[in-house]
Amino acid sequence: MAQCVNGAARCLCITFLLNLVCIVFPFGYAQAPVVVALAAITLGLAFSRRLTAKRNDFKVAKFFAVLHLAVIMLWIHFILGYFGLAMNARFNAMVQYADRVVVRDGGGGCCSSIDEDPVLYEITNKTEIAKFNEMFRFSTRQMRCRCCGFPGIDWWRDGKRIAVMAMHHGKALRVEHEGLDWRFTAGSRRQIGEWLKDHGINSTEGGPLHLRCRNGRVVLATVAQQWAASHNGALPTIEELREEAGKFIRSVPTCPSGGEYSLIVGEDGLLDVVCSAPGHK
């Protein structure tokens, strides 16, 4: 009996430490509990055969049993999170009272001010908002990528922004102040992708379109200055600028939103490139 208690105490101790490591360094929420259980049973049985019982074994067993109640609750939290139940409930709680949804040409605010992002689409009808929210269902959490996401999606209530989120590569949603991204279920990913496509938005884009457009205009404006300096002030066409830019960059600058570029002369006499797309300043 004493030998069994001795082994049980050490089994609980080892399991607790392994669980703690898995919680601090999250990896494979679905596989970790199985690995932890097998390792603890194996090590616990090995120790029970080699070590003799001590007086405080019962106290140690009780102590780690109590600690395990907390560990079990943590694992329940992670398992619910793994299957998306907790994330679905949290998302619904965040957006259920929204009276306006704004889809932005931007991300989560790490690339630019979200208040300056052009609006791609807006929903104010409560029935449409409810249908839009129903598409968002999650399966698990995943590590963050380095991009800001596209498009940005905000939920508003009485003129105040109540939730700031951004899609990432059409597969996950990044919620402000959350440590990990929320991965969509296969059905949710398909529904949201089709909805965005029907509204002229490509959710697999790597970042805000207006920023990519601005970067392209900067390249063309630089080439225009060099062209004018080497052609006695002559003004090139946009096609000539694209051809010249194509000599030293991989992709020729174009507006990803479908806007048309044009060359202008600023008040300071410098050449600049502008875009016809709304919000692409």
Protein backbone atom coordinates (compact mmCIF):
# COMPACT_ATOMS: atom_id res chain seq x y z
CA MET A 1 0.00 0.00 0.00
CA ALA A 2 2.75 2.41 0.99
CA GLN A 3 4.61 1.64 -2.21
CA CYS A 4 1.49 2.40 -4.26
CA VAL A 5 1.00 5.72 -2.47
CA ASN A 6 4.64 6.53 -3.04
CA GLY A 7 4.29 5.91 -6.76
CA ALA A 8 0.99 7.82 -6.94
CA ALA A 9 2.53 10.85 -5.25
CA ARG A 10 5.41 10.96 -7.68
CA CYS A 11 3.09 10.31 -10.60
CA LEU A 12 0.98 13.30 -9.60
CA CYS A 13 4.09 15.41 -9.12
CA ILE A 14 5.52 14.56 -12.55
CA THR A 15 2.15 15.01 -14.28
CA PHE A 16 1.73 18.40 -12.68
CA LEU A 17 5.15 19.58 -13.84
CA LEU A 18 4.58 18.29 -17.39
CA ASN A 19 1.16 19.94 -17.53
CA LEU A 20 2.69 23.18 -16.32
CA VAL A 21 5.29 23.07 -19.10
CA CYS A 22 2.60 22.46 -21.72
CA ILE A 23 0.52 25.36 -20.42
CA VAL A 24 3.41 27.82 -20.27
CA PHE A 25 4.69 26.72 -23.70
CA PRO A 26 1.48 25.87 -25.59
CA PHE A 27 1.92 23.36 -28.39
CA GLY A 28 -0.53 20.92 -29.91
CA TYR A 29 -3.45 21.35 -27.50
CA ALA A 30 -5.02 18.17 -28.82
CA GLN A 31 -1.93 15.98 -28.47
CA ALA A 32 -0.35 17.39 -25.29
CA PRO A 33 -2.78 15.82 -22.74
CA VAL A 34 -2.18 12.37 -24.24
CA VAL A 35 1.60 12.76 -24.16
CA VAL A 36 1.47 14.06 -20.60
CA ALA A 37 -0.70 11.18 -19.39
CA LEU A 38 1.45 8.46 -20.95
CA ALA A 39 4.70 9.99 -19.67
CA ALA A 40 3.33 10.42 -16.16
CA ILE A 41 2.00 6.85 -15.94
CA THR A 42 5.28 5.41 -17.20
CA LEU A 43 7.46 7.45 -14.85
CA GLY A 44 5.10 6.99 -11.91
CA LEU A 45 5.16 3.20 -12.24
CA ALA A 46 8.93 3.20 -12.57
CA PHE A 47 9.38 5.26 -9.42
CA SER A 48 6.90 3.16 -7.44
CA ARG A 49 9.07 0.08 -7.91
CA ARG A 50 12.39 1.66 -7.03
CA LEU A 51 11.61 3.99 -4.15
CA THR A 52 10.45 3.12 -0.67
CA ALA A 53 7.55 4.79 1.07
CA LYS A 54 8.06 7.73 3.37
CA ARG A 55 5.92 9.18 6.13
CA ASN A 56 4.91 12.25 4.18
CA ASP A 57 3.87 10.37 1.04
CA PHE A 58 0.18 10.71 1.90
CA LYS A 59 0.56 14.46 2.41
CA VAL A 60 2.46 14.81 -0.87
CA ALA A 61 -0.22 12.83 -2.70
CA LYS A 62 -3.00 15.00 -1.26
CA PHE A 63 -1.09 18.20 -2.04
CA PHE A 64 -0.55 17.34 -5.69
CA ALA A 65 -4.09 16.00 -5.99
CA VAL A 66 -5.40 19.44 -5.01
CA LEU A 67 -3.03 21.11 -7.46
CA HIS A 68 -4.32 18.78 -10.14
CA LEU A 69 -7.84 20.10 -9.74
CA ALA A 70 -6.52 23.45 -10.94
CA VAL A 71 -4.57 21.79 -13.75
CA ILE A 72 -7.65 19.88 -14.89
CA MET A 73 -9.65 23.12 -15.02
CA LEU A 74 -6.90 24.70 -17.15
CA TRP A 75 -6.94 21.76 -19.53
CA ILE A 76 -10.73 21.98 -19.81
CA HIS A 77 -10.26 25.62 -20.79
CA PHE A 78 -7.69 24.69 -23.46
CA ILE A 79 -9.76 21.80 -24.78
CA LEU A 80 -12.82 24.04 -25.11
CA GLY A 81 -10.61 26.58 -26.83
CA TYR A 82 -9.22 23.90 -29.12
CA PHE A 83 -12.66 22.95 -30.36
CA GLY A 84 -13.65 26.59 -30.71
CA LEU A 85 -16.47 26.57 -28.17
CA ALA A 86 -14.91 29.19 -25.94
CA MET A 87 -13.89 31.40 -28.89
CA ASN A 88 -17.36 31.23 -30.43
CA ALA A 89 -18.95 32.25 -27.14
CA ARG A 90 -16.48 35.08 -26.64
CA PHE A 91 -16.95 36.37 -30.19
CA ASN A 92 -20.74 36.35 -29.84
CA ALA A 93 -20.48 38.26 -26.56
CA MET A 94 -18.26 40.91 -28.16
CA VAL A 95 -20.41 41.64 -31.24
CA GLN A 96 -23.99 40.75 -30.29
CA TYR A 97 -25.04 44.35 -29.60
CA ALA A 98 -23.35 45.90 -32.65
CA ASP A 99 -25.49 48.16 -34.83
CA ARG A 100 -22.85 48.72 -37.51
CA VAL A 101 -20.10 46.67 -39.15
CA VAL A 102 -17.28 48.28 -41.13
CA VAL A 103 -14.95 46.35 -43.43
CA ARG A 104 -11.76 48.39 -43.82
CA ASP A 105 -8.95 48.48 -46.34
CA GLY A 106 -6.53 47.86 -43.51
CA GLY A 107 -5.58 45.47 -40.76
CA GLY A 108 -5.34 45.42 -37.00
CA GLY A 109 -3.85 48.87 -36.56
CA CYS A 110 -0.19 47.85 -36.49
CA CYS A 111 0.49 49.20 -40.00
CA SER A 112 -1.46 52.46 -39.86
CA SER A 113 -4.20 54.26 -38.01
CA ILE A 114 -7.43 52.33 -38.42
CA ASP A 115 -9.36 55.63 -38.50
CA GLU A 116 -7.54 56.53 -41.72
CA ASP A 117 -8.25 53.25 -43.52
CA PRO A 118 -10.65 53.55 -46.48
CA VAL A 119 -14.00 51.81 -45.93
CA LEU A 120 -14.60 48.91 -48.32
CA TYR A 121 -18.07 47.98 -47.13
CA GLU A 122 -20.48 48.91 -44.37
CA ILE A 123 -23.46 47.08 -42.86
CA THR A 124 -26.09 48.90 -40.79
CA ASN A 125 -29.12 46.64 -41.18
CA LYS A 126 -29.55 44.54 -38.04
CA THR A 127 -30.69 41.45 -39.94
CA GLU A 128 -27.67 41.63 -42.25
CA ILE A 129 -25.37 42.16 -39.27
CA ALA A 130 -26.76 39.05 -37.56
CA LYS A 131 -26.24 36.96 -40.73
CA PHE A 132 -22.73 38.36 -41.09
CA ASN A 133 -21.86 37.47 -37.50
CA GLU A 134 -23.19 33.93 -37.90
CA MET A 135 -20.48 33.20 -40.47
CA PHE A 136 -17.73 33.58 -37.87
CA ARG A 137 -17.04 30.20 -36.27
CA PHE A 138 -13.70 29.02 -34.94
CA SER A 139 -11.89 25.71 -34.52
CA THR A 140 -8.61 26.44 -32.72
CA ARG A 141 -5.96 29.02 -31.94
CA GLN A 142 -2.78 29.50 -33.95
CA MET A 143 0.45 31.46 -33.67
CA ARG A 144 0.48 35.02 -35.01
CA CYS A 145 2.07 35.89 -38.33
CA ARG A 146 3.95 39.18 -38.75
CA CYS A 147 1.52 40.94 -41.10
CA CYS A 148 -1.27 43.26 -39.97
CA GLY A 149 -3.94 41.31 -41.84
CA PHE A 150 -6.54 42.21 -44.45
CA PRO A 151 -9.28 43.25 -44.40
CA GLY A 152 -9.87 44.94 -41.08
CA ILE A 153 -13.33 44.44 -39.61
CA ASP A 154 -14.78 46.64 -36.86
CA TRP A 155 -18.03 46.36 -34.95
CA TRP A 156 -19.70 49.54 -33.68
CA ARG A 157 -22.38 50.37 -31.14
CA ASP A 158 -23.97 53.83 -30.76
CA GLY A 159 -21.18 55.46 -32.73
CA LYS A 160 -18.40 53.78 -30.72
CA ARG A 161 -16.08 51.04 -31.92
CA ILE A 162 -16.59 48.00 -29.66
CA ALA A 163 -14.40 45.44 -31.44
CA VAL A 164 -11.33 45.73 -33.68
CA MET A 165 -10.41 42.65 -35.69
CA ALA A 166 -8.56 41.71 -38.88
CA MET A 167 -8.56 38.64 -41.09
CA HIS A 168 -5.26 36.91 -41.80
CA HIS A 169 -4.74 35.18 -45.14
CA GLY A 170 -8.42 34.21 -45.20
CA LYS A 171 -7.80 31.52 -42.56
CA ALA A 172 -7.86 33.22 -39.17
CA LEU A 173 -9.12 36.25 -37.30
CA ARG A 174 -6.91 38.42 -35.13
CA VAL A 175 -8.77 40.00 -32.23
CA GLU A 176 -7.24 43.00 -30.53
CA HIS A 177 -5.71 42.20 -27.11
CA GLU A 178 -5.81 38.43 -27.75
CA GLY A 179 -2.52 36.55 -27.66
CA LEU A 180 -3.18 34.06 -30.48
CA ASP A 181 -5.14 34.25 -33.73
CA TRP A 182 -8.50 32.48 -33.93
CA ARG A 183 -8.58 29.97 -36.78
CA PHE A 184 -11.82 29.60 -38.76
CA THR A 185 -13.59 26.31 -39.28
CA ALA A 186 -13.53 25.06 -42.88
CA GLY A 187 -17.18 26.01 -43.38
CA SER A 188 -16.72 29.45 -41.86
CA ARG A 189 -13.64 30.13 -43.98
CA ARG A 190 -15.56 29.23 -47.12
CA GLN A 191 -18.61 31.33 -46.21
CA ILE A 192 -16.62 34.43 -45.28
CA GLY A 193 -14.41 34.11 -48.35
CA GLU A 194 -17.44 33.90 -50.64
CA TRP A 195 -19.11 36.86 -48.92
CA LEU A 196 -15.99 39.02 -49.30
CA LYS A 197 -15.55 37.92 -52.91
CA ASP A 198 -19.17 38.84 -53.69
CA HIS A 199 -18.42 42.32 -52.33
CA GLY A 200 -15.23 42.73 -54.35
CA ILE A 201 -12.78 41.98 -51.52
CA ASN A 202 -9.97 39.42 -51.76
CA SER A 203 -9.35 38.17 -48.22
CA THR A 204 -6.07 36.45 -49.13
CA GLU A 205 -4.29 39.75 -49.77
CA GLY A 206 -1.18 40.19 -47.63
CA GLY A 207 -1.95 43.65 -46.31
CA PRO A 208 -3.86 46.92 -46.70
CA LEU A 209 -4.42 47.71 -50.37
CA HIS A 210 -4.16 51.48 -49.97
CA LEU A 211 -0.69 51.11 -48.43
CA ARG A 212 0.45 48.90 -51.29
CA CYS A 213 -0.98 51.45 -53.70
CA ARG A 214 0.89 54.24 -51.92
CA ASN A 215 4.16 52.31 -52.08
CA GLY A 216 3.69 51.82 -55.82
CA ARG A 217 3.01 55.52 -56.34
CA VAL A 218 6.16 56.42 -54.41
CA VAL A 219 8.22 54.18 -56.70
CA LEU A 220 6.68 55.71 -59.82
CA ALA A 221 7.12 59.27 -58.51
CA THR A 222 10.81 58.59 -57.85
CA VAL A 223 11.24 57.21 -61.36
CA ALA A 224 9.39 60.25 -62.76
CA GLN A 225 11.84 62.64 -61.07
CA GLN A 226 14.78 60.71 -62.49
CA TRP A 227 13.14 60.63 -65.93
CA ALA A 228 12.53 64.37 -65.98
CA ALA A 229 16.12 65.06 -64.90
CA SER A 230 17.52 62.92 -67.73
CA HIS A 231 15.04 64.11 -70.42
CA ASN A 232 15.39 67.87 -70.00
CA GLY A 233 12.21 68.19 -67.94
CA ALA A 234 10.03 66.15 -70.30
CA LEU A 235 7.02 64.47 -68.66
CA PRO A 236 6.80 60.69 -69.12
CA THR A 237 3.61 58.69 -69.45
CA ILE A 238 2.51 56.22 -66.75
CA GLU A 239 3.30 53.36 -69.14
CA GLU A 240 6.86 54.66 -69.58
CA LEU A 241 7.24 54.95 -65.81
CA ARG A 242 6.02 51.37 -65.29
CA GLU A 243 8.41 50.11 -67.94
CA GLU A 244 11.31 51.96 -66.35
CA ALA A 245 10.37 50.77 -62.84
CA GLY A 246 10.18 47.20 -64.12
CA LYS A 247 13.91 47.27 -64.77
CA PHE A 248 14.82 47.28 -61.07
CA ILE A 249 11.79 45.83 -59.22
CA ARG A 250 10.05 42.49 -59.63
CA SER A 251 6.45 43.65 -60.02
CA VAL A 252 5.33 46.72 -61.95
CA PRO A 253 3.42 49.11 -59.63
CA THR A 254 -0.35 49.03 -60.12
CA CYS A 255 -3.25 49.88 -57.85
CA PRO A 256 -4.51 46.64 -56.25
CA SER A 257 -7.96 48.20 -55.89
CA GLY A 258 -8.28 48.83 -59.62
CA GLY A 259 -7.60 52.57 -59.51
CA GLU A 260 -5.85 54.39 -62.34
CA TYR A 261 -2.53 56.19 -61.83
CA SER A 262 -1.86 59.63 -63.28
CA LEU A 263 1.13 61.98 -63.20
CA ILE A 264 0.78 65.51 -61.82
CA VAL A 265 3.07 68.44 -61.12
CA GLY A 266 2.87 69.60 -57.51
CA GLU A 267 2.87 73.19 -56.28
CA ASP A 268 6.57 72.80 -55.47
CA GLY A 269 7.26 71.82 -59.06
CA LEU A 270 8.00 68.19 -58.21
CA LEU A 271 6.34 65.33 -60.05
CA ASP A 272 3.91 63.12 -58.16
CA VAL A 273 1.67 60.16 -58.93
CA VAL A 274 -1.95 60.04 -57.75
CA CYS A 275 -4.58 57.30 -57.80
CA SER A 276 -8.23 57.49 -58.75
CA ALA A 277 -9.34 54.89 -56.16
CA PRO A 278 -11.34 56.41 -53.25
CA GLY A 279 -9.25 56.89 -50.13
CA HIS A 280 -5.94 56.26 -51.91
CA LYS A 281 -4.29 59.54 -51.04
